[in-house]
């Protein structure tokens, strides 16, 4: 069943998705086949360590042309990027399944498609995309919510897809916003609705009227977010420094020539797109002022 698009993929699934956009895309099949487990040996590709408030422990394994994602919940997700198809475990909460699809499984499919996946927020301002990048816990999602509250379109909130050809552009991801429970009272997101709650995050499906399509939005600038205790400061960084800092936020998996491809694409972004260091107070009361500085 075709429901809509995200990251340029047209979703075909019996599972209900709540955060899709309009437009066309390549078919991506999402199925649920119970608690399926891999048979035979697997090669460990990447392991993530649990960080407070930043997600749990997980491992990504590879066998031939397929990937198996194991999470701390003890369940397996199968990713077959050649198809492409994502097979989820049994989940009582469909919203959890949707969040899972748009994390590591989708990033693997983006790599296979030769797009670049970054841990960053992207917003649209006057028809152009701004990339807001910071390490985990750097306030990216909260700042993205401030843009949404100010009437700007949020293109992605956690994983951002960049396409290089013919110009570095953001391919919009799910119309989803995840915020800490202690900050949501500071925002009014018209048309958004809560679809999932955990002790550490509240997940919103953004207003369907403002989602738009998955058509790529040309990238105008990259901002490397920093924390300041003394007002706002902005300064251009060199391409070399931009590559170094963005590499730490790039989703990458050993195998094939993906690492070389990711580095080459990141170098292209750094060479063609202005990259700025942007320091701001990490306080809720100055969020609207922060948006003003970034959109000036």
Protein backbone atom coordinates (compact mmCIF):
# COMPACT_ATOMS: atom_id res chain seq x y z
CA UNK A 1 0.00 0.00 0.00
CA UNK A 2 1.46 3.35 -1.09
CA UNK A 3 1.12 5.90 1.75
CA UNK A 4 3.51 8.75 0.97
CA UNK A 5 7.20 9.55 0.84
CA UNK A 6 10.21 10.24 3.04
CA UNK A 7 13.88 10.70 2.05
CA UNK A 8 12.75 10.25 -1.55
CA UNK A 9 11.37 6.77 -0.83
CA UNK A 10 7.76 5.93 -1.60
CA UNK A 11 6.60 3.70 1.24
CA UNK A 12 4.78 0.48 0.48
CA UNK A 13 3.63 -1.19 3.67
CA UNK A 14 0.64 -2.59 5.52
CA UNK A 15 1.90 -0.73 8.60
CA UNK A 16 0.40 2.71 9.07
CA UNK A 17 2.92 5.55 8.77
CA UNK A 18 2.05 8.91 10.36
CA UNK A 19 4.90 11.20 9.30
CA UNK A 20 5.13 10.87 5.52
CA UNK A 21 5.14 13.65 2.93
CA UNK A 22 3.71 13.99 -0.56
CA UNK A 23 5.46 13.60 -3.88
CA UNK A 24 7.10 10.76 -5.76
CA UNK A 25 10.02 8.50 -4.94
CA UNK A 26 11.66 5.12 -5.26
CA UNK A 27 9.69 2.23 -3.74
CA UNK A 28 10.76 1.11 -0.25
CA UNK A 29 8.98 -1.93 1.15
CA UNK A 30 8.46 -2.13 4.91
CA UNK A 31 7.16 -5.41 6.33
CA UNK A 32 6.70 -7.00 9.75
CA UNK A 33 7.37 -10.73 9.95
CA UNK A 34 7.46 -11.38 13.68
CA UNK A 35 10.60 -11.86 15.71
CA UNK A 36 12.83 -13.06 12.92
CA UNK A 37 16.42 -13.95 13.79
CA UNK A 38 19.41 -14.40 11.49
CA UNK A 39 20.58 -17.91 10.66
CA UNK A 40 24.28 -18.52 10.22
CA UNK A 41 27.37 -16.39 10.92
CA UNK A 42 27.30 -12.59 10.76
CA UNK A 43 30.08 -10.02 10.46
CA UNK A 44 29.95 -7.16 12.98
CA UNK A 45 30.04 -3.86 11.07
CA UNK A 46 29.33 -1.20 13.73
CA UNK A 47 28.53 -1.14 17.43
CA UNK A 48 26.95 1.76 19.31
CA UNK A 49 27.30 2.27 23.07
CA UNK A 50 24.33 3.52 25.06
CA UNK A 51 24.58 7.19 26.02
CA UNK A 52 22.37 8.89 28.65
CA UNK A 53 19.37 10.35 26.85
CA UNK A 54 20.86 9.58 23.42
CA UNK A 55 19.52 6.13 22.56
CA UNK A 56 20.44 2.61 23.51
CA UNK A 57 23.01 -0.01 22.75
CA UNK A 58 22.93 -1.51 19.28
CA UNK A 59 24.94 -3.55 16.81
CA UNK A 60 24.85 -3.67 13.04
CA UNK A 61 25.90 -6.90 11.36
CA UNK A 62 26.52 -7.64 7.71
CA UNK A 63 26.19 -10.80 5.64
CA UNK A 64 26.69 -10.58 1.91
CA UNK A 65 24.33 -7.82 0.72
CA UNK A 66 22.03 -7.70 3.74
CA UNK A 67 22.29 -6.08 7.16
CA UNK A 68 20.92 -7.15 10.53
CA UNK A 69 20.34 -4.53 13.24
CA UNK A 70 20.24 -5.73 16.84
CA UNK A 71 19.05 -3.34 19.53
CA UNK A 72 19.19 -3.47 23.30
CA UNK A 73 15.58 -4.68 23.26
CA UNK A 74 16.90 -7.98 21.91
CA UNK A 75 15.08 -7.76 18.59
CA UNK A 76 16.35 -7.90 15.02
CA UNK A 77 15.62 -5.71 12.01
CA UNK A 78 16.64 -6.91 8.55
CA UNK A 79 17.75 -4.33 5.98
CA UNK A 80 18.04 -5.36 2.33
CA UNK A 81 19.17 -2.21 0.50
CA UNK A 82 19.32 -3.92 -2.89
CA UNK A 83 15.53 -4.48 -2.91
CA UNK A 84 15.11 -2.11 -0.98
CA UNK A 85 13.19 -3.64 1.93
CA UNK A 86 13.17 -3.25 5.71
CA UNK A 87 11.77 -6.09 7.82
CA UNK A 88 10.77 -5.03 11.33
CA UNK A 89 10.30 -7.18 14.42
CA UNK A 90 6.93 -7.48 16.11
CA UNK A 91 6.13 -4.15 17.76
CA UNK A 92 3.04 -3.23 19.74
CA UNK A 93 3.46 0.47 18.94
CA UNK A 94 3.42 1.38 15.21
CA UNK A 95 4.97 4.77 16.00
CA UNK A 96 8.01 2.97 17.41
CA UNK A 97 8.27 1.02 14.17
CA UNK A 98 8.16 4.24 12.15
CA UNK A 99 10.91 5.78 14.28
CA UNK A 100 13.01 2.64 13.83
CA UNK A 101 12.60 2.66 10.04
CA UNK A 102 13.85 6.25 9.74
CA UNK A 103 16.96 5.71 11.81
CA UNK A 104 19.75 3.26 10.93
CA UNK A 105 17.75 1.14 8.43
CA UNK A 106 16.88 4.18 6.29
CA UNK A 107 20.45 5.51 6.57
CA UNK A 108 21.78 2.24 5.14
CA UNK A 109 19.35 2.51 2.22
CA UNK A 110 20.52 6.09 1.66
CA UNK A 111 24.16 4.97 1.54
CA UNK A 112 23.24 2.28 -0.96
CA UNK A 113 21.52 4.96 -3.05
CA UNK A 114 24.76 7.01 -2.94
CA UNK A 115 23.32 9.78 -0.79
CA UNK A 116 24.98 11.16 2.33
CA UNK A 117 23.36 10.68 5.75
CA UNK A 118 24.23 13.10 8.56
CA UNK A 119 23.08 13.37 12.18
CA UNK A 120 21.71 16.90 11.80
CA UNK A 121 18.57 19.02 11.60
CA UNK A 122 17.61 20.69 8.32
CA UNK A 123 15.11 23.53 7.89
CA UNK A 124 13.84 25.41 4.86
CA UNK A 125 14.18 29.20 4.71
CA UNK A 126 13.04 31.06 1.58
CA UNK A 127 13.27 27.96 -0.56
CA UNK A 128 16.77 27.02 0.61
CA UNK A 129 17.94 24.53 3.23
CA UNK A 130 20.00 25.29 6.31
CA UNK A 131 21.85 22.39 7.94
CA UNK A 132 22.18 22.61 11.74
CA UNK A 133 24.80 20.15 12.96
CA UNK A 134 25.98 19.34 16.47
CA UNK A 135 26.95 16.29 18.54
CA UNK A 136 24.25 14.44 20.47
CA UNK A 137 22.75 16.59 23.21
CA UNK A 138 23.69 19.80 21.40
CA UNK A 139 20.15 21.14 21.19
CA UNK A 140 19.52 20.43 17.48
CA UNK A 141 15.96 19.13 17.91
CA UNK A 142 14.97 21.92 20.28
CA UNK A 143 16.24 24.47 17.78
CA UNK A 144 14.38 22.66 15.01
CA UNK A 145 11.17 22.98 17.04
CA UNK A 146 11.81 26.71 17.37
CA UNK A 147 12.01 26.94 13.58
CA UNK A 148 8.75 25.00 13.27
CA UNK A 149 7.06 27.28 15.79
CA UNK A 150 8.25 30.31 13.77
CA UNK A 151 6.55 28.91 10.67
CA UNK A 152 9.51 27.38 8.84
CA UNK A 153 9.38 23.90 7.32
CA UNK A 154 11.47 21.31 9.15
CA UNK A 155 13.01 19.03 6.51
CA UNK A 156 14.57 16.53 8.91
CA UNK A 157 15.06 16.27 12.65
CA UNK A 158 17.59 13.51 13.31
CA UNK A 159 18.96 11.96 10.11
CA UNK A 160 19.43 14.40 7.22
CA UNK A 161 19.81 13.12 3.66
CA UNK A 162 22.10 15.11 1.35
CA UNK A 163 22.14 14.52 -2.41
CA UNK A 164 25.08 15.87 -4.40
CA UNK A 165 23.81 15.92 -7.98
CA UNK A 166 23.50 18.45 -9.53
CA UNK A 167 23.91 20.67 -6.44
CA UNK A 168 24.15 19.69 -2.74
CA UNK A 169 20.52 19.47 -1.62
CA UNK A 170 18.49 18.16 1.31
CA UNK A 171 15.99 15.40 0.53
CA UNK A 172 13.26 15.87 3.17
CA UNK A 173 12.84 13.07 5.69
CA UNK A 174 9.89 12.16 7.92
CA UNK A 175 7.75 15.04 9.21
CA UNK A 176 8.65 14.05 12.76
CA UNK A 177 9.92 15.94 15.78
CA UNK A 178 11.29 14.37 18.98
CA UNK A 179 11.65 16.60 22.02
CA UNK A 180 12.58 16.17 25.67
CA UNK A 181 9.54 16.22 27.98
CA UNK A 182 10.98 19.14 29.93
CA UNK A 183 11.00 21.46 26.89
CA UNK A 184 7.69 20.74 25.15
CA UNK A 185 5.72 23.20 27.31
CA UNK A 186 7.79 26.00 25.76
CA UNK A 187 6.53 25.28 22.24
CA UNK A 188 3.34 25.62 20.27
CA UNK A 189 3.43 23.46 17.14
CA UNK A 190 0.12 24.10 15.34
CA UNK A 191 -1.29 21.02 13.67
CA UNK A 192 1.25 18.67 15.26
CA UNK A 193 0.12 15.73 17.38
CA UNK A 194 1.85 13.46 19.86
CA UNK A 195 2.28 9.92 18.55
CA UNK A 196 4.59 8.43 21.18
CA UNK A 197 5.90 9.14 24.67
CA UNK A 198 8.89 7.73 26.53
CA UNK A 199 10.60 8.98 29.70
CA UNK A 200 13.26 10.71 27.57
CA UNK A 201 11.40 11.81 24.41
CA UNK A 202 7.99 12.93 23.14
CA UNK A 203 7.49 12.24 19.42
CA UNK A 204 5.30 14.55 17.32
CA UNK A 205 3.91 14.07 13.83
CA UNK A 206 4.11 17.54 12.29
CA UNK A 207 1.19 19.37 10.70
CA UNK A 208 0.17 17.51 7.51
CA UNK A 209 -0.70 20.84 5.85
CA UNK A 210 2.88 22.10 6.04
CA UNK A 211 4.87 18.98 5.20
CA UNK A 212 5.24 19.52 1.46
CA UNK A 213 6.92 16.92 -0.73
CA UNK A 214 10.25 15.11 -0.78
CA UNK A 215 11.56 17.22 -3.66
CA UNK A 216 15.21 18.13 -2.90
CA UNK A 217 15.79 21.59 -1.41
CA UNK A 218 19.11 23.26 -2.42
CA UNK A 219 21.51 23.56 0.50
CA UNK A 220 22.47 27.16 1.27
CA UNK A 221 24.63 26.90 4.40
CA UNK A 222 25.91 24.59 7.11
CA UNK A 223 25.99 25.78 10.72
CA UNK A 224 28.12 23.94 13.28
CA UNK A 225 26.28 24.61 16.53
CA UNK A 226 28.23 25.45 19.67
CA UNK A 227 27.27 26.61 23.14
CA UNK A 228 28.10 30.12 24.31
CA UNK A 229 27.89 31.73 27.74
CA UNK A 230 28.45 35.17 26.26
CA UNK A 231 25.89 35.91 23.56
CA UNK A 232 26.01 34.99 19.88
CA UNK A 233 29.06 34.51 17.69
CA UNK A 234 29.41 33.39 14.08
CA UNK A 235 32.49 32.75 11.99
CA UNK A 236 33.38 31.00 8.76
CA UNK A 237 35.33 27.75 9.06
CA UNK A 238 37.74 26.35 6.50
CA UNK A 239 36.72 23.42 4.30
CA UNK A 240 39.25 21.26 6.14
CA UNK A 241 37.75 22.09 9.52
CA UNK A 242 34.25 21.59 8.14
CA UNK A 243 35.13 18.11 6.89
CA UNK A 244 36.76 17.18 10.20
CA UNK A 245 33.79 18.22 12.30
CA UNK A 246 31.06 16.91 9.99
CA UNK A 247 32.80 13.55 9.59
CA UNK A 248 32.04 12.80 13.24
CA UNK A 249 28.33 13.34 12.47
CA UNK A 250 28.31 11.30 9.25
CA UNK A 251 26.57 7.94 9.22
CA UNK A 252 29.08 5.52 7.75
CA UNK A 253 29.42 1.77 7.54
CA UNK A 254 32.53 -0.16 6.47
CA UNK A 255 32.05 -2.19 3.35
CA UNK A 256 31.93 -1.75 -0.41
CA UNK A 257 33.31 1.74 -1.11
CA UNK A 258 30.86 3.51 1.20
CA UNK A 259 33.50 5.13 3.40
CA UNK A 260 35.33 6.60 0.41
CA UNK A 261 32.04 7.75 -1.09
CA UNK A 262 30.95 9.44 2.15
CA UNK A 263 34.28 11.26 2.49
CA UNK A 264 34.22 12.40 -1.12
CA UNK A 265 30.67 13.75 -0.76
CA UNK A 266 31.52 15.50 2.50
CA UNK A 267 34.51 17.13 0.81
CA UNK A 268 32.21 18.33 -1.96
CA UNK A 269 29.83 19.87 0.57
CA UNK A 270 32.70 21.60 2.36
CA UNK A 271 34.08 22.95 -0.93
CA UNK A 272 30.79 24.19 -2.37
CA UNK A 273 28.67 25.20 0.64
CA UNK A 274 29.61 27.91 3.19
CA UNK A 275 30.18 26.35 6.59
CA UNK A 276 29.89 28.48 9.70
CA UNK A 277 30.66 28.09 13.38
CA UNK A 278 27.59 29.38 15.23
CA UNK A 279 27.78 29.80 19.01
CA UNK A 280 24.64 30.65 20.95
CA UNK A 281 23.32 30.52 24.52
CA UNK A 282 21.71 27.14 25.14
CA UNK A 283 18.64 28.66 26.82
CA UNK A 284 14.99 28.31 25.89
CA UNK A 285 14.23 32.00 26.33
CA UNK A 286 16.61 32.99 23.49
CA UNK A 287 15.42 30.42 20.93
CA UNK A 288 13.41 32.92 18.89
CA UNK A 289 16.43 35.24 18.84
CA UNK A 290 18.58 32.30 17.72
CA UNK A 291 16.21 31.63 14.81
CA UNK A 292 16.41 35.31 13.92
CA UNK A 293 20.22 35.23 13.77
CA UNK A 294 20.22 32.12 11.55
CA UNK A 295 17.64 33.50 9.12
CA UNK A 296 18.97 37.07 8.85
